[in-house]
Protein backbone atom coordinates (compact mmCIF):
# COMPACT_ATOMS: atom_id res chain seq x y z
CA MET A 1 35.57 54.02 -39.31
CA GLN A 2 35.79 55.88 -36.00
CA GLN A 3 34.33 52.84 -34.25
CA LEU A 4 36.71 50.43 -36.00
CA GLY A 5 39.64 52.70 -35.28
CA GLY A 6 38.79 52.77 -31.61
CA GLU A 7 38.17 49.06 -31.44
CA TYR A 8 41.45 48.12 -33.13
CA ASP A 9 43.56 51.10 -32.02
CA VAL A 10 44.07 52.27 -35.61
CA SER A 11 43.49 55.78 -36.91
CA PRO A 12 40.43 56.17 -39.16
CA GLU A 13 42.73 57.80 -41.73
CA MET A 14 44.80 54.60 -41.95
CA ILE A 15 41.66 52.52 -42.43
CA GLN A 16 40.57 54.89 -45.23
CA LYS A 17 43.98 54.68 -46.92
CA LEU A 18 43.91 50.87 -46.81
CA LEU A 19 40.39 50.85 -48.21
CA ASP A 20 41.41 53.25 -50.98
CA LEU A 21 44.33 51.00 -51.85
CA GLU A 22 42.07 47.94 -51.97
CA ILE A 23 39.56 49.77 -54.17
CA SER A 24 42.33 50.91 -56.53
CA LEU A 25 43.37 47.29 -56.99
CA GLU A 26 39.82 46.02 -57.44
CA GLY A 27 39.16 44.23 -60.70
CA LEU A 28 42.77 43.36 -61.38
CA SER A 29 43.11 39.75 -62.37
CA ARG A 30 46.61 39.62 -60.93
CA ARG A 31 47.22 41.44 -57.71
CA THR A 32 50.97 41.24 -57.87
CA GLY A 33 52.70 43.57 -55.49
CA VAL A 34 49.63 44.15 -53.33
CA PHE A 35 51.50 43.18 -50.17
CA ASP A 36 54.40 45.43 -51.16
CA LYS A 37 51.97 48.33 -51.61
CA ILE A 38 50.31 47.65 -48.25
CA GLY A 39 53.73 47.38 -46.62
CA SER A 40 54.82 50.63 -48.23
CA LEU A 41 51.70 52.40 -47.00
CA LEU A 42 52.10 51.08 -43.47
CA LYS A 43 55.80 51.94 -43.39
CA ARG A 44 55.16 55.46 -44.69
CA ASP A 45 52.37 56.23 -42.22
CA TRP A 46 53.40 54.12 -39.24
CA GLY A 47 57.13 53.64 -39.65
CA SER A 48 59.17 50.55 -38.97
CA LEU A 49 58.27 47.93 -36.39
CA GLU A 50 60.98 49.32 -34.10
CA GLU A 51 59.55 52.85 -34.36
CA ILE A 52 56.08 51.56 -33.59
CA LYS A 53 57.37 49.71 -30.53
CA GLU A 54 59.23 52.83 -29.33
CA LYS A 55 56.11 55.01 -29.75
CA HIS A 56 54.00 52.42 -27.95
CA ALA A 57 56.51 52.15 -25.09
CA ALA A 58 56.61 55.94 -24.76
CA LEU A 59 52.83 56.16 -24.66
CA GLN A 60 52.61 53.29 -22.17
CA SER A 61 55.26 54.91 -19.98
CA LYS A 62 53.39 58.24 -20.01
CA SER A 63 50.14 56.48 -19.27
CA ASP A 64 51.71 54.60 -16.36
CA PHE A 65 53.21 57.83 -15.03
CA ASP A 66 49.87 59.63 -15.24
CA LEU A 67 48.14 56.72 -13.48
CA HIS A 68 50.72 56.68 -10.68
CA LYS A 69 50.66 60.46 -10.43
CA GLU A 70 46.92 60.34 -9.69
CA GLN A 71 47.43 57.58 -7.10
CA ILE A 72 50.23 59.53 -5.42
CA LYS A 73 47.99 62.61 -5.27
CA ARG A 74 45.26 60.58 -3.58
CA TYR A 75 47.75 59.22 -1.03
CA GLU A 76 49.07 62.71 -0.34
CA ASP A 77 45.52 64.00 0.17
CA GLU A 78 44.78 61.12 2.57
CA ILE A 79 47.98 61.80 4.52
CA ALA A 80 47.13 65.50 4.76
CA LYS A 81 43.67 64.65 6.14
CA LEU A 82 45.13 62.24 8.68
CA ASP A 83 47.75 64.80 9.64
CA GLN A 84 45.04 67.40 10.26
CA GLN A 85 43.03 64.96 12.34
CA THR A 86 46.01 64.14 14.54
CA LYS A 87 46.75 67.82 15.11
CA VAL A 88 43.12 68.50 16.09
CA GLU A 89 43.04 65.55 18.49
CA LEU A 90 46.32 66.57 20.17
């Protein structure tokens, strides 16, 4: 489940809950309401589509910031090295 969770960006707990739901419905000749139950489970644990999008945007924004922060640090380090070299040469 850890591997599937990583591959599909889903928590292993969610996979387990969906499997448990499927097992609880196993053997029923009529699976009426199965999509409602799945929807209820997803809404309870993940929230609405808008909430999911907001969380994803926030994570993406933080990730982008962290990525740019590292790049800025590398540029600052390079500038500091070049600044030291120009002082030594002068």
